[in-house]
Amino acid sequence: MPRPIEIAPSILPVDFAKLGEEIVALDHAGVDRIQFDVMDGQFVPNLTFGPDVIASVRKHTSLPFEAHLMVLTPDAMAAQYITAGCERLIVHAEACTHLHRTLANIASLGATAAVALNPATPVDAVAHVLDLVDMVLVMTVNPGFGGQSYIATMEPKIRAIRAMIEAAGLTEQVDVEVDGGIGPSTVAGAAAAGANVLVAGSALFRDPEGLVHAVADLRARAEAAAAA
């Protein structure tokens, strides 16, 4: 049975002075989870959220939190982000010397593990760890900044990941997430290729009709494309 479509907003575009209020607004808009883009200024050229920031807003919603660890040292940081309230940690295959060990360690700490692939990273990087994850994230931009343009040539890669999951008999256990440039004009291509979790940031917050409309519109477009 296919996995349901989920909308997972990146909170990079929000007003950080009102972070708790912004998360409440996303919750009321009907999103499925909240993604925190954790950047260390080394693996990617930006700095963002520490665990204390995430812990400070955990009380504002019961939605699941996931931390996208765009960092060079995910093993050293994992426990702090789980303690802060993140139910899922996403690590980059490119940052993990021993990816299998890293994913197993996240599970031992009580969270679920996911693995992300940068645009240039081949799908084979996750072929032997699918049994340790509940999601594979295909980056549809090069990570580091919000507001970038969607790389449509990643759609065959999304299809390949989806096919790999199906071949392993894990269709009901493993999501495929996409992150980067997702909006009304790009979401159908990603969903048709096999992605069921859509990370959106700028597109949600710039919708002139507001967050409720933006979330519902994105979900409807994705569901229609996935069913076609």
N, C-alpha and C. Protein backbone atom coordinates (compact mmCIF):
# COMPACT_ATOMS: atom_id res chain seq x y z
N MET A 1 0.85 -1.19 0.00
CA MET A 1 0.00 0.00 0.00
C MET A 1 0.89 1.25 0.00
N PRO A 2 0.67 2.21 -0.89
CA PRO A 2 1.51 3.41 -0.94
C PRO A 2 1.44 4.20 0.36
N ARG A 3 2.53 4.86 0.66
CA ARG A 3 2.58 5.71 1.84
C ARG A 3 1.77 6.98 1.58
N PRO A 4 1.11 7.54 2.60
CA PRO A 4 0.30 8.75 2.39
C PRO A 4 1.16 9.97 2.12
N ILE A 5 0.58 10.93 1.42
CA ILE A 5 1.25 12.20 1.18
C ILE A 5 1.32 12.99 2.48
N GLU A 6 2.48 13.54 2.77
CA GLU A 6 2.67 14.37 3.96
C GLU A 6 3.36 15.68 3.57
N ILE A 7 2.98 16.75 4.24
CA ILE A 7 3.61 18.05 4.06
C ILE A 7 4.45 18.35 5.30
N ALA A 8 5.74 18.56 5.08
CA ALA A 8 6.67 18.79 6.18
C ALA A 8 7.37 20.13 5.97
N PRO A 9 6.86 21.20 6.55
CA PRO A 9 7.45 22.51 6.30
C PRO A 9 8.84 22.65 6.92
N SER A 10 9.72 23.26 6.16
CA SER A 10 10.98 23.77 6.71
C SER A 10 10.68 25.12 7.33
N ILE A 11 11.21 25.34 8.51
CA ILE A 11 10.90 26.61 9.17
C ILE A 11 11.97 27.67 8.94
N LEU A 12 12.87 27.44 8.00
CA LEU A 12 13.89 28.46 7.71
C LEU A 12 13.30 29.83 7.36
N PRO A 13 12.16 29.91 6.64
CA PRO A 13 11.67 31.24 6.27
C PRO A 13 10.91 31.99 7.37
N VAL A 14 10.68 31.39 8.54
CA VAL A 14 9.83 32.03 9.52
C VAL A 14 10.54 33.18 10.22
N ASP A 15 9.76 33.99 10.94
CA ASP A 15 10.30 35.04 11.79
C ASP A 15 10.80 34.37 13.08
N PHE A 16 12.11 34.28 13.24
CA PHE A 16 12.66 33.57 14.39
C PHE A 16 12.30 34.23 15.72
N ALA A 17 11.97 35.51 15.68
CA ALA A 17 11.56 36.19 16.91
C ALA A 17 10.20 35.69 17.40
N LYS A 18 9.45 35.03 16.51
CA LYS A 18 8.13 34.49 16.86
C LYS A 18 8.07 33.01 16.53
N LEU A 19 9.13 32.29 16.79
CA LEU A 19 9.23 30.90 16.34
C LEU A 19 8.10 30.03 16.90
N GLY A 20 7.80 30.16 18.16
CA GLY A 20 6.72 29.36 18.73
C GLY A 20 5.39 29.64 18.07
N GLU A 21 5.08 30.93 17.85
CA GLU A 21 3.83 31.29 17.19
C GLU A 21 3.77 30.78 15.76
N GLU A 22 4.90 30.82 15.07
CA GLU A 22 4.94 30.35 13.68
C GLU A 22 4.68 28.84 13.62
N ILE A 23 5.19 28.10 14.58
CA ILE A 23 4.96 26.66 14.61
C ILE A 23 3.50 26.36 14.91
N VAL A 24 2.90 27.12 15.80
CA VAL A 24 1.46 26.95 16.07
C VAL A 24 0.65 27.21 14.81
N ALA A 25 1.02 28.24 14.05
CA ALA A 25 0.31 28.56 12.80
C ALA A 25 0.43 27.43 11.79
N LEU A 26 1.60 26.82 11.70
CA LEU A 26 1.78 25.68 10.80
C LEU A 26 0.92 24.49 11.24
N ASP A 27 0.89 24.26 12.54
CA ASP A 27 0.05 23.19 13.09
C ASP A 27 -1.41 23.42 12.70
N HIS A 28 -1.89 24.63 12.88
CA HIS A 28 -3.28 24.96 12.55
C HIS A 28 -3.55 24.87 11.05
N ALA A 29 -2.51 25.04 10.24
CA ALA A 29 -2.66 24.96 8.79
C ALA A 29 -2.76 23.52 8.28
N GLY A 30 -2.49 22.55 9.15
CA GLY A 30 -2.69 21.16 8.77
C GLY A 30 -1.47 20.42 8.28
N VAL A 31 -0.26 20.89 8.62
CA VAL A 31 0.94 20.17 8.20
C VAL A 31 1.05 18.88 9.00
N ASP A 32 1.91 17.99 8.54
CA ASP A 32 2.03 16.67 9.16
C ASP A 32 3.19 16.56 10.14
N ARG A 33 4.21 17.38 9.95
CA ARG A 33 5.37 17.37 10.83
C ARG A 33 6.13 18.67 10.61
N ILE A 34 7.11 18.93 11.45
CA ILE A 34 7.95 20.12 11.33
C ILE A 34 9.39 19.67 11.11
N GLN A 35 10.03 20.26 10.10
CA GLN A 35 11.44 19.93 9.87
C GLN A 35 12.33 21.10 10.28
N PHE A 36 13.36 20.77 11.05
CA PHE A 36 14.38 21.74 11.44
C PHE A 36 15.64 21.47 10.63
N ASP A 37 16.05 22.44 9.85
CA ASP A 37 17.27 22.32 9.05
C ASP A 37 18.46 22.73 9.91
N VAL A 38 19.19 21.74 10.38
CA VAL A 38 20.32 21.98 11.28
C VAL A 38 21.60 22.05 10.44
N MET A 39 22.21 23.23 10.40
CA MET A 39 23.40 23.47 9.58
C MET A 39 24.55 23.93 10.46
N ASP A 40 25.75 23.41 10.17
CA ASP A 40 26.89 23.65 11.05
C ASP A 40 27.93 24.62 10.50
N GLY A 41 27.69 25.18 9.32
CA GLY A 41 28.67 26.09 8.74
C GLY A 41 29.90 25.40 8.17
N GLN A 42 29.91 24.06 8.18
CA GLN A 42 31.04 23.30 7.65
C GLN A 42 30.59 22.34 6.54
N PHE A 43 29.64 21.49 6.86
CA PHE A 43 29.10 20.61 5.82
C PHE A 43 28.34 21.43 4.79
N VAL A 44 27.66 22.47 5.26
CA VAL A 44 26.99 23.43 4.39
C VAL A 44 27.35 24.84 4.86
N PRO A 45 27.29 25.83 3.97
CA PRO A 45 27.75 27.17 4.33
C PRO A 45 26.69 28.02 5.01
N ASN A 46 26.19 27.55 6.15
CA ASN A 46 25.19 28.31 6.88
C ASN A 46 25.16 27.78 8.30
N LEU A 47 24.64 28.56 9.22
CA LEU A 47 24.45 28.16 10.62
C LEU A 47 22.99 28.34 10.98
N THR A 48 22.41 27.34 11.66
CA THR A 48 21.00 27.49 12.03
C THR A 48 20.74 27.05 13.47
N PHE A 49 19.93 26.00 13.65
CA PHE A 49 19.33 25.71 14.95
C PHE A 49 20.18 24.77 15.82
N GLY A 50 20.42 25.21 17.05
CA GLY A 50 20.96 24.31 18.05
C GLY A 50 19.84 23.58 18.77
N PRO A 51 20.16 22.55 19.54
CA PRO A 51 19.12 21.79 20.22
C PRO A 51 18.31 22.60 21.22
N ASP A 52 18.91 23.60 21.85
CA ASP A 52 18.16 24.40 22.82
C ASP A 52 17.02 25.17 22.16
N VAL A 53 17.23 25.62 20.94
CA VAL A 53 16.16 26.33 20.21
C VAL A 53 15.00 25.39 19.97
N ILE A 54 15.30 24.18 19.53
CA ILE A 54 14.24 23.21 19.26
C ILE A 54 13.51 22.84 20.55
N ALA A 55 14.25 22.61 21.60
CA ALA A 55 13.63 22.26 22.89
C ALA A 55 12.70 23.37 23.37
N SER A 56 13.04 24.62 23.08
CA SER A 56 12.25 25.75 23.58
C SER A 56 10.87 25.83 22.93
N VAL A 57 10.71 25.24 21.73
CA VAL A 57 9.42 25.31 21.04
C VAL A 57 8.67 23.98 21.04
N ARG A 58 9.26 22.97 21.65
CA ARG A 58 8.62 21.66 21.65
C ARG A 58 7.23 21.71 22.28
N LYS A 59 7.06 22.56 23.26
CA LYS A 59 5.78 22.62 23.99
C LYS A 59 4.65 23.23 23.18
N HIS A 60 4.95 23.85 22.05
CA HIS A 60 3.94 24.57 21.28
C HIS A 60 3.10 23.68 20.37
N THR A 61 3.49 22.42 20.19
CA THR A 61 2.75 21.53 19.28
C THR A 61 3.04 20.08 19.62
N SER A 62 2.08 19.23 19.26
CA SER A 62 2.31 17.78 19.40
C SER A 62 2.75 17.16 18.08
N LEU A 63 2.91 17.99 17.03
CA LEU A 63 3.37 17.46 15.75
C LEU A 63 4.76 16.84 15.89
N PRO A 64 5.05 15.80 15.12
CA PRO A 64 6.40 15.24 15.14
C PRO A 64 7.43 16.26 14.65
N PHE A 65 8.60 16.23 15.27
CA PHE A 65 9.74 17.05 14.84
C PHE A 65 10.77 16.13 14.19
N GLU A 66 11.33 16.58 13.07
CA GLU A 66 12.48 15.89 12.50
C GLU A 66 13.61 16.89 12.31
N ALA A 67 14.82 16.46 12.63
CA ALA A 67 16.00 17.29 12.45
C ALA A 67 16.77 16.79 11.24
N HIS A 68 16.94 17.66 10.26
CA HIS A 68 17.74 17.36 9.08
C HIS A 68 19.16 17.83 9.39
N LEU A 69 20.02 16.89 9.76
CA LEU A 69 21.35 17.21 10.24
C LEU A 69 22.32 17.38 9.07
N MET A 70 22.42 18.61 8.59
CA MET A 70 23.39 18.94 7.54
C MET A 70 24.68 19.35 8.22
N VAL A 71 25.33 18.35 8.82
CA VAL A 71 26.48 18.57 9.69
C VAL A 71 27.55 17.52 9.41
N LEU A 72 28.79 17.84 9.78
CA LEU A 72 29.89 16.89 9.59
C LEU A 72 29.96 15.84 10.68
N THR A 73 29.35 16.12 11.85
CA THR A 73 29.49 15.21 13.00
C THR A 73 28.13 14.77 13.54
N PRO A 74 27.33 14.08 12.73
CA PRO A 74 26.00 13.69 13.21
C PRO A 74 26.03 12.77 14.42
N ASP A 75 27.04 11.91 14.51
CA ASP A 75 27.09 10.99 15.65
C ASP A 75 27.27 11.74 16.96
N ALA A 76 28.08 12.79 16.94
CA ALA A 76 28.34 13.56 18.15
C ALA A 76 27.14 14.39 18.58
N MET A 77 26.25 14.70 17.63
CA MET A 77 25.14 15.60 17.91
C MET A 77 23.81 14.90 18.10
N ALA A 78 23.72 13.64 17.73
CA ALA A 78 22.43 12.95 17.67
C ALA A 78 21.67 13.00 18.99
N ALA A 79 22.31 12.63 20.08
CA ALA A 79 21.61 12.52 21.37
C ALA A 79 21.00 13.86 21.79
N GLN A 80 21.69 14.96 21.51
CA GLN A 80 21.19 16.27 21.92
C GLN A 80 19.89 16.63 21.20
N TYR A 81 19.81 16.30 19.93
CA TYR A 81 18.61 16.64 19.17
C TYR A 81 17.43 15.73 19.52
N ILE A 82 17.72 14.51 19.89
CA ILE A 82 16.65 13.62 20.34
C ILE A 82 16.12 14.10 21.69
N THR A 83 17.01 14.46 22.60
CA THR A 83 16.61 15.00 23.89
C THR A 83 15.80 16.29 23.73
N ALA A 84 16.12 17.06 22.69
CA ALA A 84 15.40 18.31 22.43
C ALA A 84 13.98 18.10 21.93
N GLY A 85 13.67 16.87 21.50
CA GLY A 85 12.30 16.58 21.10
C GLY A 85 12.11 16.13 19.67
N CYS A 86 13.19 15.79 18.99
CA CYS A 86 13.09 15.31 17.60
C CYS A 86 12.90 13.80 17.57
N GLU A 87 11.78 13.38 16.97
CA GLU A 87 11.49 11.95 16.88
C GLU A 87 12.26 11.26 15.76
N ARG A 88 12.68 12.05 14.76
CA ARG A 88 13.43 11.48 13.63
C ARG A 88 14.65 12.36 13.37
N LEU A 89 15.78 11.69 13.10
CA LEU A 89 16.99 12.38 12.68
C LEU A 89 17.33 11.94 11.26
N ILE A 90 17.59 12.91 10.40
CA ILE A 90 18.01 12.66 9.03
C ILE A 90 19.49 13.00 8.94
N VAL A 91 20.30 12.03 8.54
CA VAL A 91 21.73 12.26 8.38
C VAL A 91 22.09 12.15 6.91
N HIS A 92 23.19 12.79 6.52
CA HIS A 92 23.63 12.73 5.14
C HIS A 92 24.61 11.58 4.94
N ALA A 93 24.36 10.79 3.90
CA ALA A 93 25.28 9.71 3.57
C ALA A 93 26.70 10.24 3.38
N GLU A 94 26.81 11.45 2.83
CA GLU A 94 28.12 12.01 2.53
C GLU A 94 28.91 12.38 3.79
N ALA A 95 28.22 12.57 4.91
CA ALA A 95 28.87 12.99 6.15
C ALA A 95 29.22 11.84 7.08
N CYS A 96 28.75 10.64 6.74
CA CYS A 96 28.89 9.50 7.65
C CYS A 96 29.96 8.52 7.15
N THR A 97 31.05 8.43 7.89
CA THR A 97 32.10 7.47 7.53
C THR A 97 31.58 6.04 7.62
N HIS A 98 30.77 5.80 8.65
CA HIS A 98 30.18 4.47 8.86
C HIS A 98 28.66 4.64 8.94
N LEU A 99 28.02 4.75 7.80
CA LEU A 99 26.60 5.09 7.75
C LEU A 99 25.76 4.06 8.48
N HIS A 100 26.04 2.78 8.30
CA HIS A 100 25.27 1.73 8.97
C HIS A 100 25.32 1.91 10.48
N ARG A 101 26.51 2.18 11.01
CA ARG A 101 26.69 2.37 12.45
C ARG A 101 25.93 3.61 12.93
N THR A 102 26.00 4.69 12.17
CA THR A 102 25.32 5.92 12.55
C THR A 102 23.82 5.71 12.65
N LEU A 103 23.23 5.06 11.66
CA LEU A 103 21.79 4.83 11.66
C LEU A 103 21.38 3.91 12.81
N ALA A 104 22.17 2.89 13.07
CA ALA A 104 21.87 1.99 14.18
C ALA A 104 21.97 2.72 15.51
N ASN A 105 22.92 3.63 15.62
CA ASN A 105 23.08 4.40 16.86
C ASN A 105 21.87 5.28 17.13
N ILE A 106 21.34 5.91 16.07
CA ILE A 106 20.15 6.75 16.24
C ILE A 106 18.99 5.92 16.78
N ALA A 107 18.81 4.73 16.22
CA ALA A 107 17.74 3.84 16.70
C ALA A 107 17.96 3.46 18.16
N SER A 108 19.21 3.23 18.54
CA SER A 108 19.50 2.83 19.93
C SER A 108 19.21 3.96 20.91
N LEU A 109 19.20 5.20 20.40
CA LEU A 109 18.91 6.36 21.25
C LEU A 109 17.41 6.65 21.36
N GLY A 110 16.60 5.89 20.62
CA GLY A 110 15.16 6.01 20.75
C GLY A 110 14.45 6.81 19.68
N ALA A 111 15.17 7.19 18.62
CA ALA A 111 14.55 7.92 17.52
C ALA A 111 14.52 7.04 16.28
N THR A 112 13.80 7.49 15.26
CA THR A 112 13.88 6.82 13.97
C THR A 112 14.93 7.52 13.13
N ALA A 113 15.53 6.78 12.21
CA ALA A 113 16.63 7.28 11.41
C ALA A 113 16.22 7.39 9.96
N ALA A 114 16.76 8.42 9.30
CA ALA A 114 16.56 8.59 7.87
C ALA A 114 17.89 9.02 7.27
N VAL A 115 18.02 8.84 5.97
CA VAL A 115 19.27 9.19 5.30
C VAL A 115 18.97 10.08 4.12
N ALA A 116 19.80 11.13 3.94
CA ALA A 116 19.65 12.08 2.85
C ALA A 116 20.77 11.92 1.84
N LEU A 117 20.41 12.21 0.57
CA LEU A 117 21.38 12.15 -0.52
C LEU A 117 21.44 13.50 -1.23
N ASN A 118 22.61 14.08 -1.33
CA ASN A 118 22.80 15.29 -2.11
C ASN A 118 22.61 15.00 -3.60
N PRO A 119 22.39 16.02 -4.40
CA PRO A 119 22.11 15.79 -5.82
C PRO A 119 23.13 14.92 -6.55
N ALA A 120 24.41 15.05 -6.24
CA ALA A 120 25.43 14.30 -6.96
C ALA A 120 25.68 12.90 -6.41
N THR A 121 25.03 12.55 -5.29
CA THR A 121 25.27 11.26 -4.64
C THR A 121 24.39 10.18 -5.26
N PRO A 122 24.96 9.06 -5.68
CA PRO A 122 24.17 8.01 -6.33
C PRO A 122 23.28 7.26 -5.36
N VAL A 123 22.23 6.66 -5.89
CA VAL A 123 21.28 5.92 -5.05
C VAL A 123 21.91 4.72 -4.38
N ASP A 124 22.97 4.19 -4.94
CA ASP A 124 23.63 3.02 -4.35
C ASP A 124 24.11 3.28 -2.94
N ALA A 125 24.28 4.54 -2.57
CA ALA A 125 24.77 4.87 -1.23
C ALA A 125 23.85 4.38 -0.13
N VAL A 126 22.57 4.15 -0.45
CA VAL A 126 21.62 3.69 0.58
C VAL A 126 21.14 2.26 0.35
N ALA A 127 21.69 1.60 -0.64
CA ALA A 127 21.19 0.27 -1.02
C ALA A 127 21.25 -0.74 0.12
N HIS A 128 22.24 -0.62 0.99
CA HIS A 128 22.44 -1.63 2.02
C HIS A 128 22.08 -1.16 3.42
N VAL A 129 21.33 -0.07 3.52
CA VAL A 129 20.89 0.40 4.83
C VAL A 129 19.39 0.64 4.89
N LEU A 130 18.66 0.23 3.87
CA LEU A 130 17.22 0.50 3.85
C LEU A 130 16.49 -0.13 5.02
N ASP A 131 17.02 -1.24 5.54
CA ASP A 131 16.37 -1.90 6.68
C ASP A 131 16.54 -1.12 7.97
N LEU A 132 17.39 -0.09 7.98
CA LEU A 132 17.64 0.69 9.19
C LEU A 132 16.95 2.04 9.20
N VAL A 133 16.23 2.37 8.12
CA VAL A 133 15.63 3.70 8.03
C VAL A 133 14.12 3.61 7.83
N ASP A 134 13.45 4.72 8.14
CA ASP A 134 12.02 4.81 7.80
C ASP A 134 11.79 5.87 6.74
N MET A 135 12.90 6.45 6.19
CA MET A 135 12.76 7.45 5.15
C MET A 135 14.09 7.66 4.44
N VAL A 136 13.99 7.90 3.13
CA VAL A 136 15.14 8.35 2.35
C VAL A 136 14.79 9.73 1.79
N LEU A 137 15.68 10.70 2.00
CA LEU A 137 15.47 12.06 1.53
C LEU A 137 16.33 12.31 0.29
N VAL A 138 15.68 12.65 -0.81
CA VAL A 138 16.38 13.04 -2.03
C VAL A 138 16.41 14.56 -2.08
N MET A 139 17.60 15.13 -2.01
CA MET A 139 17.73 16.58 -2.08
C MET A 139 17.50 17.03 -3.52
N THR A 140 16.58 17.98 -3.67
CA THR A 140 16.30 18.53 -5.00
C THR A 140 16.87 19.94 -5.15
N VAL A 141 17.77 20.28 -4.22
CA VAL A 141 18.68 21.43 -4.34
C VAL A 141 19.97 20.99 -3.64
N ASN A 142 21.04 21.76 -3.84
CA ASN A 142 22.23 21.55 -3.03
C ASN A 142 21.99 22.22 -1.67
N PRO A 143 22.22 21.49 -0.58
CA PRO A 143 21.80 21.98 0.73
C PRO A 143 22.61 23.18 1.20
N GLY A 144 21.98 23.97 2.06
CA GLY A 144 22.66 25.08 2.69
C GLY A 144 21.83 26.34 2.82
N PHE A 145 20.89 26.56 1.90
CA PHE A 145 20.08 27.77 1.92
C PHE A 145 18.67 27.47 1.45
N GLY A 146 17.70 28.20 2.00
CA GLY A 146 16.34 28.12 1.52
C GLY A 146 16.17 28.95 0.26
N GLY A 147 15.03 28.73 -0.42
CA GLY A 147 14.68 29.56 -1.55
C GLY A 147 15.36 29.23 -2.86
N GLN A 148 16.01 28.08 -2.96
CA GLN A 148 16.70 27.70 -4.19
C GLN A 148 15.71 27.08 -5.19
N SER A 149 16.15 27.00 -6.44
CA SER A 149 15.31 26.44 -7.50
C SER A 149 15.40 24.92 -7.53
N TYR A 150 14.27 24.31 -7.75
CA TYR A 150 14.11 22.86 -7.85
C TYR A 150 14.94 22.29 -9.00
N ILE A 151 15.69 21.23 -8.73
CA ILE A 151 16.47 20.56 -9.76
C ILE A 151 15.64 19.40 -10.31
N ALA A 152 14.98 19.62 -11.44
CA ALA A 152 14.05 18.63 -11.98
C ALA A 152 14.74 17.34 -12.40
N THR A 153 16.04 17.39 -12.68
CA THR A 153 16.75 16.18 -13.09
C THR A 153 16.93 15.20 -11.94
N MET A 154 16.49 15.54 -10.74
CA MET A 154 16.49 14.60 -9.63
C MET A 154 15.29 13.65 -9.67
N GLU A 155 14.32 13.90 -10.53
CA GLU A 155 13.13 13.04 -10.55
C GLU A 155 13.44 11.59 -10.93
N PRO A 156 14.32 11.30 -11.88
CA PRO A 156 14.69 9.90 -12.10
C PRO A 156 15.34 9.26 -10.86
N LYS A 157 16.05 10.05 -10.10
CA LYS A 157 16.66 9.54 -8.86
C LYS A 157 15.58 9.19 -7.84
N ILE A 158 14.55 10.04 -7.74
CA ILE A 158 13.42 9.73 -6.86
C ILE A 158 12.78 8.40 -7.28
N ARG A 159 12.57 8.23 -8.57
CA ARG A 159 11.99 6.97 -9.08
C ARG A 159 12.87 5.77 -8.72
N ALA A 160 14.17 5.94 -8.85
CA ALA A 160 15.09 4.85 -8.55
C ALA A 160 15.05 4.47 -7.07
N ILE A 161 14.96 5.48 -6.20
CA ILE A 161 14.86 5.20 -4.77
C ILE A 161 13.55 4.48 -4.45
N ARG A 162 12.47 4.96 -5.04
CA ARG A 162 11.17 4.32 -4.81
C ARG A 162 11.20 2.87 -5.29
N ALA A 163 11.81 2.62 -6.45
CA ALA A 163 11.89 1.26 -6.97
C ALA A 163 12.75 0.38 -6.06
N MET A 164 13.81 0.92 -5.53
CA MET A 164 14.69 0.18 -4.63
C MET A 164 13.94 -0.22 -3.36
N ILE A 165 13.14 0.70 -2.83
CA ILE A 165 12.35 0.42 -1.63
C ILE A 165 11.32 -0.67 -1.92
N GLU A 166 10.65 -0.58 -3.05
CA GLU A 166 9.66 -1.59 -3.42
C GLU A 166 10.31 -2.95 -3.61
N ALA A 167 11.47 -2.99 -4.25
CA ALA A 167 12.16 -4.26 -4.49
C ALA A 167 12.58 -4.92 -3.18
N ALA A 168 12.85 -4.10 -2.17
CA ALA A 168 13.24 -4.63 -0.85
C ALA A 168 12.05 -5.04 -0.01
N GLY A 169 10.83 -4.84 -0.53
CA GLY A 169 9.63 -5.18 0.22
C GLY A 169 9.34 -4.24 1.38
N LEU A 170 9.77 -2.99 1.25
CA LEU A 170 9.65 -2.03 2.35
C LEU A 170 8.72 -0.87 2.03
N THR A 171 7.84 -1.05 1.06
CA THR A 171 6.96 0.02 0.62
C THR A 171 6.14 0.60 1.76
N GLU A 172 5.67 -0.24 2.66
CA GLU A 172 4.81 0.22 3.75
C GLU A 172 5.59 0.78 4.94
N GLN A 173 6.91 0.65 4.91
CA GLN A 173 7.72 1.10 6.04
C GLN A 173 8.56 2.33 5.76
N VAL A 174 8.91 2.58 4.50
CA VAL A 174 9.91 3.60 4.19
C VAL A 174 9.32 4.69 3.31
N ASP A 175 9.37 5.93 3.79
CA ASP A 175 8.93 7.09 3.03
C ASP A 175 10.04 7.57 2.10
N VAL A 176 9.64 8.31 1.07
CA VAL A 176 10.60 9.04 0.23
C VAL A 176 10.26 10.53 0.37
N GLU A 177 11.23 11.27 0.85
CA GLU A 177 11.05 12.70 1.07
C GLU A 177 11.86 13.47 0.03
N VAL A 178 11.35 14.63 -0.37
CA VAL A 178 12.13 15.54 -1.22
C VAL A 178 12.19 16.89 -0.54
N ASP A 179 13.31 17.56 -0.75
CA ASP A 179 13.55 18.84 -0.07
C ASP A 179 14.31 19.74 -1.03
N GLY A 180 13.69 20.89 -1.36
CA GLY A 180 14.37 21.88 -2.17
C GLY A 180 13.54 22.36 -3.34
N GLY A 181 13.08 23.59 -3.27
CA GLY A 181 12.35 24.17 -4.38
C GLY A 181 10.96 23.61 -4.58
N ILE A 182 10.38 22.97 -3.56
CA ILE A 182 9.05 22.39 -3.70
C ILE A 182 7.99 23.48 -3.56
N GLY A 183 7.09 23.57 -4.53
CA GLY A 183 6.01 24.53 -4.54
C GLY A 183 4.94 24.08 -5.51
N PRO A 184 3.94 24.90 -5.77
CA PRO A 184 2.84 24.50 -6.65
C PRO A 184 3.27 24.04 -8.04
N SER A 185 4.34 24.61 -8.58
CA SER A 185 4.75 24.26 -9.94
C SER A 185 5.68 23.06 -10.01
N THR A 186 6.19 22.60 -8.88
CA THR A 186 7.16 21.50 -8.89
C THR A 186 6.69 20.26 -8.14
N VAL A 187 5.71 20.40 -7.27
CA VAL A 187 5.34 19.29 -6.40
C VAL A 187 4.80 18.10 -7.18
N ALA A 188 4.10 18.34 -8.28
CA ALA A 188 3.53 17.22 -9.04
C ALA A 188 4.62 16.33 -9.61
N GLY A 189 5.69 16.92 -10.12
CA GLY A 189 6.78 16.12 -10.67
C GLY A 189 7.43 15.24 -9.63
N ALA A 190 7.64 15.79 -8.43
CA ALA A 190 8.25 15.02 -7.35
C ALA A 190 7.33 13.89 -6.90
N ALA A 191 6.04 14.19 -6.74
CA ALA A 191 5.08 13.17 -6.27
C ALA A 191 4.88 12.09 -7.32
N ALA A 192 4.80 12.48 -8.59
CA ALA A 192 4.63 11.49 -9.65
C ALA A 192 5.83 10.56 -9.73
N ALA A 193 7.00 11.05 -9.36
CA ALA A 193 8.21 10.23 -9.39
C ALA A 193 8.28 9.26 -8.21
N GLY A 194 7.46 9.48 -7.17
CA GLY A 194 7.44 8.55 -6.06
C GLY A 194 7.67 9.14 -4.69
N ALA A 195 7.85 10.45 -4.60
CA ALA A 195 8.01 11.07 -3.28
C ALA A 195 6.65 11.22 -2.60
N ASN A 196 6.60 10.92 -1.32
CA ASN A 196 5.34 11.08 -0.59
C ASN A 196 5.44 12.07 0.57
N VAL A 197 6.64 12.51 0.91
CA VAL A 197 6.83 13.53 1.94
C VAL A 197 7.48 14.73 1.27
N LEU A 198 6.78 15.86 1.31
CA LEU A 198 7.23 17.05 0.60
C LEU A 198 7.64 18.12 1.60
N VAL A 199 8.91 18.49 1.56
CA VAL A 199 9.39 19.59 2.39
C VAL A 199 9.23 20.88 1.61
N ALA A 200 8.55 21.83 2.18
CA ALA A 200 8.34 23.13 1.54
C ALA A 200 8.61 24.22 2.55
N GLY A 201 9.21 25.29 2.09
CA GLY A 201 9.48 26.42 2.96
C GLY A 201 8.94 27.69 2.37
N SER A 202 9.71 28.31 1.51
CA SER A 202 9.35 29.60 0.94
C SER A 202 7.98 29.58 0.28
N ALA A 203 7.67 28.50 -0.44
CA ALA A 203 6.40 28.44 -1.17
C ALA A 203 5.20 28.52 -0.24
N LEU A 204 5.31 27.94 0.94
CA LEU A 204 4.19 28.00 1.89
C LEU A 204 3.99 29.41 2.42
N PHE A 205 5.06 30.07 2.75
CA PHE A 205 4.96 31.36 3.43
C PHE A 205 4.70 32.53 2.49
N ARG A 206 4.92 32.34 1.19
CA ARG A 206 4.65 33.45 0.28
C ARG A 206 3.30 33.32 -0.43
N ASP A 207 2.51 32.30 -0.10
CA ASP A 207 1.19 32.16 -0.71
C ASP A 207 0.31 33.33 -0.27
N PRO A 208 -0.20 34.11 -1.20
CA PRO A 208 -1.00 35.29 -0.82
C PRO A 208 -2.30 34.94 -0.12
N GLU A 209 -2.74 33.67 -0.26
CA GLU A 209 -3.97 33.25 0.41
C GLU A 209 -3.73 32.64 1.79
N GLY A 210 -2.48 32.60 2.21
CA GLY A 210 -2.17 32.16 3.56
C GLY A 210 -1.74 30.71 3.67
N LEU A 211 -1.33 30.34 4.87
CA LEU A 211 -0.77 29.01 5.11
C LEU A 211 -1.79 27.89 4.91
N VAL A 212 -3.01 28.10 5.37
CA VAL A 212 -4.02 27.03 5.25
C VAL A 212 -4.22 26.68 3.78
N HIS A 213 -4.36 27.69 2.95
CA HIS A 213 -4.51 27.44 1.52
C HIS A 213 -3.26 26.80 0.93
N ALA A 214 -2.09 27.29 1.32
CA ALA A 214 -0.84 26.79 0.76
C ALA A 214 -0.66 25.31 1.04
N VAL A 215 -0.93 24.89 2.28
CA VAL A 215 -0.76 23.48 2.66
C VAL A 215 -1.77 22.61 1.92
N ALA A 216 -3.04 23.04 1.90
CA ALA A 216 -4.08 22.24 1.24
C ALA A 216 -3.81 22.13 -0.26
N ASP A 217 -3.37 23.23 -0.88
CA ASP A 217 -3.11 23.23 -2.31
C ASP A 217 -1.94 22.31 -2.65
N LEU A 218 -0.88 22.38 -1.87
CA LEU A 218 0.28 21.53 -2.12
C LEU A 218 -0.09 20.06 -1.96
N ARG A 219 -0.86 19.74 -0.92
CA ARG A 219 -1.26 18.35 -0.68
C ARG A 219 -2.15 17.85 -1.84
N ALA A 220 -3.08 18.67 -2.27
CA ALA A 220 -3.99 18.25 -3.34
C ALA A 220 -3.23 18.00 -4.64
N ARG A 221 -2.28 18.86 -4.95
CA ARG A 221 -1.49 18.68 -6.18
C ARG A 221 -0.66 17.41 -6.10
N ALA A 222 -0.07 17.16 -4.94
CA ALA A 222 0.74 15.96 -4.78
C ALA A 222 -0.10 14.69 -4.85
N GLU A 223 -1.24 14.70 -4.18
CA GLU A 223 -2.11 13.51 -4.20
C GLU A 223 -2.62 13.22 -5.61
N ALA A 224 -2.97 14.25 -6.35
CA ALA A 224 -3.44 14.05 -7.72
C ALA A 224 -2.34 13.46 -8.60
N ALA A 225 -1.12 13.97 -8.45
CA ALA A 225 -0.01 13.47 -9.25
C ALA A 225 0.35 12.04 -8.90
N ALA A 226 0.31 11.72 -7.59
CA ALA A 226 0.65 10.37 -7.16
C ALA A 226 -0.38 9.35 -7.62
N ALA A 227 -1.64 9.79 -7.75
CA ALA A 227 -2.72 8.87 -8.15
C ALA A 227 -2.83 8.70 -9.66
N ALA A 228 -2.21 9.59 -10.40
CA ALA A 228 -2.36 9.58 -11.88
C ALA A 228 -1.67 8.36 -12.50
